[in-house]
Structure formats: structure tokens, C-alpha cells
Amino acid sequence: MVAIPVYDHTGSQTREIEIDPKALDKAVRRPLLKEALIAYLASQRQGSHNTKSRGQVAGGSKKPWRQKGTGRARAGTTRGPIWVGGGRAHGPKPRDYSYALPRRQRRLATRSSIRYRLESGRLFAVEGLETQLQDKPATKHIQAFLKGSGLAGAGVLLVSEGYDKHLYLSARNIPKVEVIERRNLSAGPVLQRHNLVFTAGALDALVQELSQ
């Protein structure tokens, strides 16, 4: 059993919750985690890069000099790849880099990534934070929690049980802090952020899911 520290909204530890790592996954599947991270990062690429070929560069339709008698190599345009200002040969074009792992592998990778954070002591929980943000968004409450728990300035993935608009708006301007719903949790975001923090509701749902 591994203990998960539970903090209040000020960052003070109030209690601990014990979870069996084997309930998440029988072992940390490092090769699968690597593949899941690569797939996640590839899906983030815009792929909007574009270069012009010789047929897309403006100008150059006139033959620069006559075919024979000049002593120079033959040339039909000044927009070929070997000319300064010419088009690019075999340059990058817009493309989609994204690809998806099979569903079973994605689920295994998610559970294995949570176990990885659990074993490395980087899995935490916070309770009472949603209550502080019930009326309106307030970044100061998120910053107070991060400072009190010693997570300020570190990469933090904050997992909520459902969509919490105030929580999202309160954390979106803090560098290295990301908010995600538990149902959308995947190995990629977990591995990108150094610390994984569940809200009380999200952690209770996770524990209940593992006990079934």
C-alpha cells in the first residue's frame, strides 16, 4: 500500500489515503508509457509548415540567358531550387502528425502512468478547493494551495471529477499548471506534468472505481 497525501485549500496536509499500486496496474509499463507520450506529443503538432516549390514562386518565367554560346550552364528559369530565391525541392508540406494507440493500450497506459506517479511520490489530493471557488474564479486560491503544498513553480496536472469552470479559469494563467477532467485523463498529460493532483471528488471516484 502507498499513502497519498491529502491537502486542504491552504496546502496543509490533513490526512492520507492508502492505495494498492497493483489495483492500478501490475507493473509500470515503461515501453508503453513512452509510446503513449510520443503519440500524445505528435497529436499536439500543428503540421501547418509549408514551403513553395519552383512552380509556386513568383517570377522566373523568362529564360535568364540563351541556351548556347555563353559558356554557362543551361538555365530555363531563375526559380529553380539551385537559385537564390528559388523554390525548395521536396520541402515540407502541411500534414497531420497525429495517431492513436488502440483503446486497450490507451487505458493500460493511463493506469500505468498513475501508478508511476504514485510510486514516485508525485501523486497528491486536495479537498476544499472547489468550495473556495464556488462563487467566482480566484487564482489566489490556487496559488495559495500550490505554495502551501510546496508545488509552486512545478509542473502540476490538476484532475477534477467533472467540468469545473471556476477551477479552470482560476488555474489557466498559472505557468505549468493544467486542469483536466478525470474522464479525459490520459498518459500523455500525466507524464508531461511532474506532479499529479486529484481533487477530493476525483480521488474518491478513482478509489471507488479501483475497488470494483
C-alpha atoms as a PDB file:
ATOM      1  CA  MET A   1       0.000   0.000   0.000  1.00  0.00           C
ATOM      2  CA  VAL A   2       1.183   3.515  -0.844  1.00  0.00           C
ATOM      3  CA  ALA A   3      -0.106   6.592   1.008  1.00  0.00           C
ATOM      4  CA  ILE A   4      -1.408   9.597  -0.918  1.00  0.00           C
ATOM      5  CA  PRO A   5      -1.118  12.909   0.988  1.00  0.00           C
ATOM      6  CA  VAL A   6      -4.361  14.899   1.117  1.00  0.00           C
ATOM      7  CA  TYR A   7      -4.102  18.692   1.482  1.00  0.00           C
ATOM      8  CA  ASP A   8      -6.673  21.358   2.230  1.00  0.00           C
ATOM      9  CA  HIS A   9      -7.108  24.520   0.149  1.00  0.00           C
ATOM     10  CA  THR A  10      -4.268  26.240   2.024  1.00  0.00           C
ATOM     11  CA  GLY A  11      -1.771  23.487   1.235  1.00  0.00           C
ATOM     12  CA  SER A  12      -1.650  21.970   4.727  1.00  0.00           C
ATOM     13  CA  GLN A  13      -1.714  18.175   4.879  1.00  0.00           C
ATOM     14  CA  THR A  14      -4.810  16.894   6.655  1.00  0.00           C
ATOM     15  CA  ARG A  15      -4.754  13.125   6.130  1.00  0.00           C
ATOM     16  CA  GLU A  16      -3.587  10.273   3.916  1.00  0.00           C
ATOM     17  CA  ILE A  17      -5.308   7.760   1.681  1.00  0.00           C
ATOM     18  CA  GLU A  18      -3.706   4.398   1.006  1.00  0.00           C
ATOM     19  CA  ILE A  19      -3.951   2.775  -2.432  1.00  0.00           C
ATOM     20  CA  ASP A  20      -2.590  -0.536  -3.603  1.00  0.00           C
ATOM     21  CA  PRO A  21      -0.446   0.121  -6.728  1.00  0.00           C
ATOM     22  CA  LYS A  22      -1.428  -3.286  -8.102  1.00  0.00           C
ATOM     23  CA  ALA A  23      -5.043  -2.081  -8.284  1.00  0.00           C
ATOM     24  CA  LEU A  24      -3.907   0.383 -10.937  1.00  0.00           C
ATOM     25  CA  ASP A  25      -1.600  -1.910 -12.885  1.00  0.00           C
ATOM     26  CA  LYS A  26       0.524  -4.944 -12.122  1.00  0.00           C
ATOM     27  CA  ALA A  27       3.670  -3.004 -13.052  1.00  0.00           C
ATOM     28  CA  VAL A  28       4.799   0.275 -14.596  1.00  0.00           C
ATOM     29  CA  ARG A  29       4.846  -0.382 -18.333  1.00  0.00           C
ATOM     30  CA  ARG A  30       7.666   1.934 -19.369  1.00  0.00           C
ATOM     31  CA  PRO A  31       7.766   0.990 -23.085  1.00  0.00           C
ATOM     32  CA  LEU A  32       4.006   1.570 -23.315  1.00  0.00           C
ATOM     33  CA  LEU A  33       4.304   4.895 -21.482  1.00  0.00           C
ATOM     34  CA  LYS A  34       6.972   6.012 -23.929  1.00  0.00           C
ATOM     35  CA  GLU A  35       4.760   5.102 -26.878  1.00  0.00           C
ATOM     36  CA  ALA A  36       1.769   6.881 -25.326  1.00  0.00           C
ATOM     37  CA  LEU A  37       3.811  10.034 -24.697  1.00  0.00           C
ATOM     38  CA  ILE A  38       5.146  10.078 -28.259  1.00  0.00           C
ATOM     39  CA  ALA A  39       1.606   9.663 -29.614  1.00  0.00           C
ATOM     40  CA  TYR A  40       0.350  12.484 -27.385  1.00  0.00           C
ATOM     41  CA  LEU A  41       3.132  14.876 -28.391  1.00  0.00           C
ATOM     42  CA  ALA A  42       2.678  14.000 -32.061  1.00  0.00           C
ATOM     43  CA  SER A  43      -1.015  14.856 -31.777  1.00  0.00           C
ATOM     44  CA  GLN A  44      -0.111  18.314 -30.442  1.00  0.00           C
ATOM     45  CA  ARG A  45       1.832  19.238 -33.576  1.00  0.00           C
ATOM     46  CA  GLN A  46       0.072  21.693 -35.866  1.00  0.00           C
ATOM     47  CA  GLY A  47       1.656  20.370 -39.036  1.00  0.00           C
ATOM     48  CA  SER A  48       0.991  23.702 -40.771  1.00  0.00           C
ATOM     49  CA  HIS A  49       4.515  24.058 -42.173  1.00  0.00           C
ATOM     50  CA  ASN A  50       4.587  24.834 -45.885  1.00  0.00           C
ATOM     51  CA  THR A  51       7.241  25.695 -48.473  1.00  0.00           C
ATOM     52  CA  LYS A  52       6.915  26.799 -52.083  1.00  0.00           C
ATOM     53  CA  SER A  53       8.038  24.642 -54.958  1.00  0.00           C
ATOM     54  CA  ARG A  54       9.538  26.098 -58.136  1.00  0.00           C
ATOM     55  CA  GLY A  55       6.077  26.283 -59.655  1.00  0.00           C
ATOM     56  CA  GLN A  56       4.727  28.389 -56.765  1.00  0.00           C
ATOM     57  CA  VAL A  57       7.459  31.042 -56.567  1.00  0.00           C
ATOM     58  CA  ALA A  58       6.577  34.292 -58.311  1.00  0.00           C
ATOM     59  CA  GLY A  59       8.616  35.349 -61.353  1.00  0.00           C
ATOM     60  CA  GLY A  60      11.322  33.455 -63.187  1.00  0.00           C
ATOM     61  CA  SER A  61       9.296  32.644 -66.276  1.00  0.00           C
ATOM     62  CA  LYS A  62      11.832  34.303 -68.588  1.00  0.00           C
ATOM     63  CA  LYS A  63      14.867  32.325 -69.647  1.00  0.00           C
ATOM     64  CA  PRO A  64      17.829  34.089 -67.948  1.00  0.00           C
ATOM     65  CA  TRP A  65      20.163  33.706 -70.963  1.00  0.00           C
ATOM     66  CA  ARG A  66      20.257  31.995 -74.302  1.00  0.00           C
ATOM     67  CA  GLN A  67      20.728  28.239 -74.444  1.00  0.00           C
ATOM     68  CA  LYS A  68      24.144  28.146 -76.156  1.00  0.00           C
ATOM     69  CA  GLY A  69      27.208  30.248 -76.621  1.00  0.00           C
ATOM     70  CA  THR A  70      27.543  31.898 -73.195  1.00  0.00           C
ATOM     71  CA  GLY A  71      29.842  29.301 -71.616  1.00  0.00           C
ATOM     72  CA  ARG A  72      27.474  28.963 -68.684  1.00  0.00           C
ATOM     73  CA  ALA A  73      25.260  26.038 -67.777  1.00  0.00           C
ATOM     74  CA  ARG A  74      21.848  25.803 -69.352  1.00  0.00           C
ATOM     75  CA  ALA A  75      19.088  27.528 -67.385  1.00  0.00           C
ATOM     76  CA  GLY A  76      15.413  27.913 -68.144  1.00  0.00           C
ATOM     77  CA  THR A  77      14.276  29.765 -65.007  1.00  0.00           C
ATOM     78  CA  THR A  78      15.672  31.646 -62.035  1.00  0.00           C
ATOM     79  CA  ARG A  79      13.207  29.996 -59.674  1.00  0.00           C
ATOM     80  CA  GLY A  80      14.738  26.515 -59.592  1.00  0.00           C
ATOM     81  CA  PRO A  81      15.936  25.019 -56.288  1.00  0.00           C
ATOM     82  CA  ILE A  82      19.605  25.799 -57.040  1.00  0.00           C
ATOM     83  CA  TRP A  83      18.931  29.533 -57.376  1.00  0.00           C
ATOM     84  CA  VAL A  84      18.822  32.052 -54.532  1.00  0.00           C
ATOM     85  CA  GLY A  85      15.184  32.992 -54.114  1.00  0.00           C
ATOM     86  CA  GLY A  86      14.037  29.885 -55.919  1.00  0.00           C
ATOM     87  CA  GLY A  87      11.639  27.209 -54.796  1.00  0.00           C
ATOM     88  CA  ARG A  88      12.553  24.390 -52.459  1.00  0.00           C
ATOM     89  CA  ALA A  89      12.877  20.828 -53.657  1.00  0.00           C
ATOM     90  CA  HIS A  90      10.945  18.252 -51.610  1.00  0.00           C
ATOM     91  CA  GLY A  91      10.168  20.808 -48.882  1.00  0.00           C
ATOM     92  CA  PRO A  92       7.741  20.189 -46.005  1.00  0.00           C
ATOM     93  CA  LYS A  93       4.032  20.433 -46.767  1.00  0.00           C
ATOM     94  CA  PRO A  94       1.020  20.576 -44.424  1.00  0.00           C
ATOM     95  CA  ARG A  95       0.340  17.185 -42.871  1.00  0.00           C
ATOM     96  CA  ASP A  96      -1.332  15.549 -39.888  1.00  0.00           C
ATOM     97  CA  TYR A  97       1.137  14.015 -37.425  1.00  0.00           C
ATOM     98  CA  SER A  98      -1.463  12.648 -35.029  1.00  0.00           C
ATOM     99  CA  TYR A  99      -2.048   8.965 -34.477  1.00  0.00           C
ATOM    100  CA  ALA A 100      -3.884   6.987 -31.815  1.00  0.00           C
ATOM    101  CA  LEU A 101      -2.971   3.870 -29.893  1.00  0.00           C
ATOM    102  CA  PRO A 102      -5.507   1.055 -29.632  1.00  0.00           C
ATOM    103  CA  ARG A 103      -8.137   1.653 -26.950  1.00  0.00           C
ATOM    104  CA  ARG A 104      -6.903  -1.142 -24.685  1.00  0.00           C
ATOM    105  CA  GLN A 105      -3.349   0.205 -24.798  1.00  0.00           C
ATOM    106  CA  ARG A 106      -4.543   3.730 -24.035  1.00  0.00           C
ATOM    107  CA  ARG A 107      -6.419   2.514 -20.951  1.00  0.00           C
ATOM    108  CA  LEU A 108      -3.431   0.485 -19.755  1.00  0.00           C
ATOM    109  CA  ALA A 109      -1.118   3.443 -20.334  1.00  0.00           C
ATOM    110  CA  THR A 110      -3.371   5.734 -18.286  1.00  0.00           C
ATOM    111  CA  ARG A 111      -3.464   3.349 -15.324  1.00  0.00           C
ATOM    112  CA  SER A 112       0.258   2.661 -15.596  1.00  0.00           C
ATOM    113  CA  SER A 113       1.076   6.382 -15.664  1.00  0.00           C
ATOM    114  CA  ILE A 114      -0.949   6.942 -12.476  1.00  0.00           C
ATOM    115  CA  ARG A 115       0.912   4.074 -10.823  1.00  0.00           C
ATOM    116  CA  TYR A 116       4.192   5.629 -11.969  1.00  0.00           C
ATOM    117  CA  ARG A 117       3.307   8.909 -10.262  1.00  0.00           C
ATOM    118  CA  LEU A 118       2.099   7.028  -7.184  1.00  0.00           C
ATOM    119  CA  GLU A 119       5.330   5.061  -6.805  1.00  0.00           C
ATOM    120  CA  SER A 120       7.478   8.138  -7.386  1.00  0.00           C
ATOM    121  CA  GLY A 121       5.654  10.049  -4.618  1.00  0.00           C
ATOM    122  CA  ARG A 122       4.200  12.606  -7.016  1.00  0.00           C
ATOM    123  CA  LEU A 123       0.513  11.809  -6.561  1.00  0.00           C
ATOM    124  CA  PHE A 124      -1.456  14.117  -4.262  1.00  0.00           C
ATOM    125  CA  ALA A 125      -5.026  15.130  -3.441  1.00  0.00           C
ATOM    126  CA  VAL A 126      -6.685  18.381  -2.417  1.00  0.00           C
ATOM    127  CA  GLU A 127     -10.027  18.895  -0.689  1.00  0.00           C
ATOM    128  CA  GLY A 128     -11.998  22.075  -0.143  1.00  0.00           C
ATOM    129  CA  LEU A 129     -10.579  23.853  -3.179  1.00  0.00           C
ATOM    130  CA  GLU A 130     -13.843  23.651  -5.120  1.00  0.00           C
ATOM    131  CA  THR A 131     -15.677  25.213  -2.154  1.00  0.00           C
ATOM    132  CA  GLN A 132     -13.371  28.237  -2.214  1.00  0.00           C
ATOM    133  CA  LEU A 133     -14.072  28.696  -5.920  1.00  0.00           C
ATOM    134  CA  GLN A 134     -17.803  28.063  -5.703  1.00  0.00           C
ATOM    135  CA  ASP A 135     -18.873  31.694  -6.161  1.00  0.00           C
ATOM    136  CA  LYS A 136     -16.307  33.015  -8.636  1.00  0.00           C
ATOM    137  CA  PRO A 137     -12.868  32.208 -10.077  1.00  0.00           C
ATOM    138  CA  ALA A 138      -9.898  33.292  -7.975  1.00  0.00           C
ATOM    139  CA  THR A 139      -6.327  32.494  -8.978  1.00  0.00           C
ATOM    140  CA  LYS A 140      -5.088  33.408  -5.498  1.00  0.00           C
ATOM    141  CA  HIS A 141      -6.683  30.273  -4.012  1.00  0.00           C
ATOM    142  CA  ILE A 142      -4.848  28.015  -6.459  1.00  0.00           C
ATOM    143  CA  GLN A 143      -1.586  29.849  -5.812  1.00  0.00           C
ATOM    144  CA  ALA A 144      -2.078  29.587  -2.047  1.00  0.00           C
ATOM    145  CA  PHE A 145      -2.585  25.830  -2.314  1.00  0.00           C
ATOM    146  CA  LEU A 146       0.468  25.381  -4.545  1.00  0.00           C
ATOM    147  CA  LYS A 147       2.649  27.484  -2.261  1.00  0.00           C
ATOM    148  CA  GLY A 148       1.474  25.760   0.908  1.00  0.00           C
ATOM    149  CA  SER A 149       1.947  22.264  -0.515  1.00  0.00           C
ATOM    150  CA  GLY A 150       5.368  23.057  -1.992  1.00  0.00           C
ATOM    151  CA  LEU A 151       4.213  22.636  -5.592  1.00  0.00           C
ATOM    152  CA  ALA A 152       4.579  26.268  -6.647  1.00  0.00           C
ATOM    153  CA  GLY A 153       6.672  26.595  -9.793  1.00  0.00           C
ATOM    154  CA  ALA A 154       6.495  22.872 -10.526  1.00  0.00           C
ATOM    155  CA  GLY A 155       4.507  21.208 -13.265  1.00  0.00           C
ATOM    156  CA  VAL A 156       1.073  20.273 -11.901  1.00  0.00           C
ATOM    157  CA  LEU A 157      -1.785  18.400 -13.547  1.00  0.00           C
ATOM    158  CA  LEU A 158      -4.957  19.127 -11.572  1.00  0.00           C
ATOM    159  CA  VAL A 159      -7.646  16.488 -12.087  1.00  0.00           C
ATOM    160  CA  SER A 160     -11.296  17.282 -11.358  1.00  0.00           C
ATOM    161  CA  GLU A 161     -14.190  14.823 -11.370  1.00  0.00           C
ATOM    162  CA  GLY A 162     -16.342  16.926 -13.708  1.00  0.00           C
ATOM    163  CA  TYR A 163     -16.091  20.163 -15.620  1.00  0.00           C
ATOM    164  CA  ASP A 164     -15.446  22.962 -13.130  1.00  0.00           C
ATOM    165  CA  LYS A 165     -15.444  26.295 -14.945  1.00  0.00           C
ATOM    166  CA  HIS A 166     -14.224  28.286 -11.942  1.00  0.00           C
ATOM    167  CA  LEU A 167     -11.369  25.858 -11.321  1.00  0.00           C
ATOM    168  CA  TYR A 168     -10.317  26.042 -14.953  1.00  0.00           C
ATOM    169  CA  LEU A 169     -10.461  29.847 -15.094  1.00  0.00           C
ATOM    170  CA  SER A 170      -8.560  30.149 -11.816  1.00  0.00           C
ATOM    171  CA  ALA A 171      -5.644  27.973 -12.960  1.00  0.00           C
ATOM    172  CA  ARG A 172      -5.306  28.766 -16.657  1.00  0.00           C
ATOM    173  CA  ASN A 173      -2.948  31.741 -16.167  1.00  0.00           C
ATOM    174  CA  ILE A 174      -0.567  29.924 -13.830  1.00  0.00           C
ATOM    175  CA  PRO A 175       2.519  28.625 -15.681  1.00  0.00           C
ATOM    176  CA  LYS A 176       3.000  24.841 -15.767  1.00  0.00           C
ATOM    177  CA  VAL A 177      -0.468  24.189 -14.270  1.00  0.00           C
ATOM    178  CA  GLU A 178      -3.116  22.362 -16.282  1.00  0.00           C
ATOM    179  CA  VAL A 179      -6.675  21.332 -15.349  1.00  0.00           C
ATOM    180  CA  ILE A 180      -8.267  18.224 -16.824  1.00  0.00           C
ATOM    181  CA  GLU A 181     -11.388  16.173 -16.140  1.00  0.00           C
ATOM    182  CA  ARG A 182     -10.838  12.657 -14.867  1.00  0.00           C
ATOM    183  CA  ARG A 183     -12.822  11.158 -17.739  1.00  0.00           C
ATOM    184  CA  ASN A 184     -10.402  12.821 -20.189  1.00  0.00           C
ATOM    185  CA  LEU A 185      -7.279  11.758 -18.307  1.00  0.00           C
ATOM    186  CA  SER A 186      -4.627  10.033 -20.395  1.00  0.00           C
ATOM    187  CA  ALA A 187      -0.981   9.052 -20.023  1.00  0.00           C
ATOM    188  CA  GLY A 188       0.301  11.964 -22.110  1.00  0.00           C
ATOM    189  CA  PRO A 189      -0.705  14.855 -19.798  1.00  0.00           C
ATOM    190  CA  VAL A 190       0.211  12.790 -16.708  1.00  0.00           C
ATOM    191  CA  LEU A 191       3.751  12.261 -17.994  1.00  0.00           C
ATOM    192  CA  GLN A 192       4.142  15.850 -19.170  1.00  0.00           C
ATOM    193  CA  ARG A 193       3.487  17.308 -15.724  1.00  0.00           C
ATOM    194  CA  HIS A 194       5.779  16.330 -12.865  1.00  0.00           C
ATOM    195  CA  ASN A 195       3.023  16.242 -10.228  1.00  0.00           C
ATOM    196  CA  LEU A 196      -0.464  14.743 -10.357  1.00  0.00           C
ATOM    197  CA  VAL A 197      -3.093  16.301  -8.066  1.00  0.00           C
ATOM    198  CA  PHE A 198      -6.628  14.929  -7.743  1.00  0.00           C
ATOM    199  CA  THR A 199      -9.491  16.871  -6.240  1.00  0.00           C
ATOM    200  CA  ALA A 200     -11.296  15.067  -3.423  1.00  0.00           C
ATOM    201  CA  GLY A 201     -14.205  14.114  -5.672  1.00  0.00           C
ATOM    202  CA  ALA A 202     -11.937  12.812  -8.422  1.00  0.00           C
ATOM    203  CA  LEU A 203      -9.868  10.767  -5.976  1.00  0.00           C
ATOM    204  CA  ASP A 204     -12.933   9.247  -4.320  1.00  0.00           C
ATOM    205  CA  ALA A 205     -14.259   8.268  -7.757  1.00  0.00           C
ATOM    206  CA  LEU A 206     -10.904   6.730  -8.645  1.00  0.00           C
ATOM    207  CA  VAL A 207     -10.749   4.725  -5.409  1.00  0.00           C
ATOM    208  CA  GLN A 208     -14.322   3.526  -5.914  1.00  0.00           C
ATOM    209  CA  GLU A 209     -13.519   2.507  -9.489  1.00  0.00           C
ATOM    210  CA  LEU A 210     -10.459   0.540  -8.386  1.00  0.00           C
ATOM    211  CA  SER A 211     -12.404  -1.261  -5.650  1.00  0.00           C
ATOM    212  CA  GLN A 212     -14.935  -2.671  -8.095  1.00  0.00           C
END
